[in-house]
Amino acid sequence: MALSIRETGENIKNSPLFNGTVEYDVPLKEFTTMKVGGPAELLVKPDDAISLAVAASVLKHDGVNIFVLGGNMLRNNMMYYYLNLDMYI
């Protein structure tokens, strides 16, 4: 049985090696210069490389496709399309 995205998010958040935040239904417009973008069903913001590895491992284990944004890309010159994609940021 497939896990819900919230169950996957909780698995990441509850991992003893994960430091960071896990948020649900986050408007992506808050992360763009032009203030456009629909909600991300799951947004994981790891604080360090180990936490990133933990999150990626849990997502892969649960069969979730991921799209990684980082650095200045998250704020500058990014536009998110209103598509129903099976990937999580």
C-alpha atoms as a PDB file:
ATOM      1  CA  MET A   1       0.000   0.000   0.000  1.00  0.00           C
ATOM      2  CA  ALA A   2       1.382   3.401  -0.986  1.00  0.00           C
ATOM      3  CA  LEU A   3       1.921   5.979   1.717  1.00  0.00           C
ATOM      4  CA  SER A   4       0.267   9.378   1.556  1.00  0.00           C
ATOM      5  CA  ILE A   5       2.574  12.328   1.004  1.00  0.00           C
ATOM      6  CA  ARG A   6       1.894  13.431   4.579  1.00  0.00           C
ATOM      7  CA  GLU A   7       3.005  10.047   5.903  1.00  0.00           C
ATOM      8  CA  THR A   8       6.175  10.350   3.845  1.00  0.00           C
ATOM      9  CA  GLY A   9       6.742  13.870   5.178  1.00  0.00           C
ATOM     10  CA  GLU A  10       6.281  12.670   8.746  1.00  0.00           C
ATOM     11  CA  ASN A  11       8.752   9.832   8.127  1.00  0.00           C
ATOM     12  CA  ILE A  12      11.321  12.424   7.037  1.00  0.00           C
ATOM     13  CA  LYS A  13      10.578  14.777   9.933  1.00  0.00           C
ATOM     14  CA  ASN A  14      10.736  11.987  12.524  1.00  0.00           C
ATOM     15  CA  SER A  15      14.040  10.578  11.319  1.00  0.00           C
ATOM     16  CA  PRO A  16      16.652  11.019  14.076  1.00  0.00           C
ATOM     17  CA  LEU A  17      19.210  12.234  11.504  1.00  0.00           C
ATOM     18  CA  PHE A  18      16.957  14.869   9.894  1.00  0.00           C
ATOM     19  CA  ASN A  19      17.370  18.523  10.805  1.00  0.00           C
ATOM     20  CA  GLY A  20      15.201  21.007   8.970  1.00  0.00           C
ATOM     21  CA  THR A  21      11.568  21.658   8.232  1.00  0.00           C
ATOM     22  CA  VAL A  22       8.829  19.711   6.499  1.00  0.00           C
ATOM     23  CA  GLU A  23       5.808  21.708   5.366  1.00  0.00           C
ATOM     24  CA  TYR A  24       2.589  20.873   3.528  1.00  0.00           C
ATOM     25  CA  ASP A  25       0.556  22.830   0.952  1.00  0.00           C
ATOM     26  CA  VAL A  26       3.086  25.666   0.820  1.00  0.00           C
ATOM     27  CA  PRO A  27       2.362  28.410  -1.749  1.00  0.00           C
ATOM     28  CA  LEU A  28       5.407  28.522  -4.027  1.00  0.00           C
ATOM     29  CA  LYS A  29       4.709  32.163  -4.834  1.00  0.00           C
ATOM     30  CA  GLU A  30       6.474  33.005  -1.566  1.00  0.00           C
ATOM     31  CA  PHE A  31       9.704  31.722  -3.134  1.00  0.00           C
ATOM     32  CA  THR A  32       9.597  33.565  -6.457  1.00  0.00           C
ATOM     33  CA  THR A  33      10.439  37.097  -7.475  1.00  0.00           C
ATOM     34  CA  MET A  34       7.210  37.508  -9.447  1.00  0.00           C
ATOM     35  CA  LYS A  35       5.087  36.047  -6.612  1.00  0.00           C
ATOM     36  CA  VAL A  36       3.469  33.348  -8.755  1.00  0.00           C
ATOM     37  CA  GLY A  37       3.189  29.613  -8.174  1.00  0.00           C
ATOM     38  CA  GLY A  38       0.703  27.119  -6.847  1.00  0.00           C
ATOM     39  CA  PRO A  39       1.021  25.092  -3.648  1.00  0.00           C
ATOM     40  CA  ALA A  40       3.631  22.410  -3.097  1.00  0.00           C
ATOM     41  CA  GLU A  41       1.988  19.431  -1.481  1.00  0.00           C
ATOM     42  CA  LEU A  42       5.274  18.753   0.323  1.00  0.00           C
ATOM     43  CA  LEU A  43       8.205  21.130   0.847  1.00  0.00           C
ATOM     44  CA  VAL A  44      11.305  19.785   2.589  1.00  0.00           C
ATOM     45  CA  LYS A  45      14.008  22.232   3.668  1.00  0.00           C
ATOM     46  CA  PRO A  46      16.975  20.301   5.075  1.00  0.00           C
ATOM     47  CA  ASP A  47      19.527  22.184   7.194  1.00  0.00           C
ATOM     48  CA  ASP A  48      22.557  20.135   6.151  1.00  0.00           C
ATOM     49  CA  ALA A  49      23.846  17.518   3.713  1.00  0.00           C
ATOM     50  CA  ILE A  50      22.984  14.587   5.971  1.00  0.00           C
ATOM     51  CA  SER A  51      19.399  15.796   6.274  1.00  0.00           C
ATOM     52  CA  LEU A  52      19.203  16.161   2.494  1.00  0.00           C
ATOM     53  CA  ALA A  53      20.415  12.575   2.119  1.00  0.00           C
ATOM     54  CA  VAL A  54      17.869  11.353   4.680  1.00  0.00           C
ATOM     55  CA  ALA A  55      15.011  13.147   2.915  1.00  0.00           C
ATOM     56  CA  ALA A  56      16.089  11.859  -0.515  1.00  0.00           C
ATOM     57  CA  SER A  57      16.381   8.317   0.845  1.00  0.00           C
ATOM     58  CA  VAL A  58      12.899   8.371   2.412  1.00  0.00           C
ATOM     59  CA  LEU A  59      11.365   9.888  -0.730  1.00  0.00           C
ATOM     60  CA  LYS A  60      13.051   7.292  -2.941  1.00  0.00           C
ATOM     61  CA  HIS A  61      12.009   4.461  -0.621  1.00  0.00           C
ATOM     62  CA  ASP A  62       8.409   5.696  -0.744  1.00  0.00           C
ATOM     63  CA  GLY A  63       8.490   5.999  -4.548  1.00  0.00           C
ATOM     64  CA  VAL A  64       8.171   9.796  -4.641  1.00  0.00           C
ATOM     65  CA  ASN A  65       9.774  11.724  -7.500  1.00  0.00           C
ATOM     66  CA  ILE A  66      11.712  14.771  -6.331  1.00  0.00           C
ATOM     67  CA  PHE A  67      12.789  18.093  -7.806  1.00  0.00           C
ATOM     68  CA  VAL A  68      15.621  19.857  -6.009  1.00  0.00           C
ATOM     69  CA  LEU A  69      15.874  23.652  -5.932  1.00  0.00           C
ATOM     70  CA  GLY A  70      18.648  25.377  -4.094  1.00  0.00           C
ATOM     71  CA  GLY A  71      20.704  28.498  -3.634  1.00  0.00           C
ATOM     72  CA  ASN A  72      19.536  31.610  -5.427  1.00  0.00           C
ATOM     73  CA  MET A  73      17.426  29.507  -7.784  1.00  0.00           C
ATOM     74  CA  LEU A  74      14.746  29.283  -5.128  1.00  0.00           C
ATOM     75  CA  ARG A  75      14.131  33.022  -5.116  1.00  0.00           C
ATOM     76  CA  ASN A  76      15.339  34.389  -8.427  1.00  0.00           C
ATOM     77  CA  ASN A  77      13.984  33.929 -11.912  1.00  0.00           C
ATOM     78  CA  MET A  78      11.966  30.808 -11.191  1.00  0.00           C
ATOM     79  CA  MET A  79       8.387  30.431 -12.322  1.00  0.00           C
ATOM     80  CA  TYR A  80       6.373  27.415 -11.291  1.00  0.00           C
ATOM     81  CA  TYR A  81       3.729  26.216 -13.688  1.00  0.00           C
ATOM     82  CA  TYR A  82       0.316  25.165 -12.469  1.00  0.00           C
ATOM     83  CA  LEU A  83       0.757  21.541 -13.431  1.00  0.00           C
ATOM     84  CA  ASN A  84      -0.218  18.477 -11.514  1.00  0.00           C
ATOM     85  CA  LEU A  85       3.227  16.889 -11.299  1.00  0.00           C
ATOM     86  CA  ASP A  86       4.024  13.849  -9.239  1.00  0.00           C
ATOM     87  CA  MET A  87       7.180  15.351  -7.778  1.00  0.00           C
ATOM     88  CA  TYR A  88       7.898  17.155  -4.585  1.00  0.00           C
ATOM     89  CA  ILE A  89      10.156  20.053  -3.758  1.00  0.00           C
END
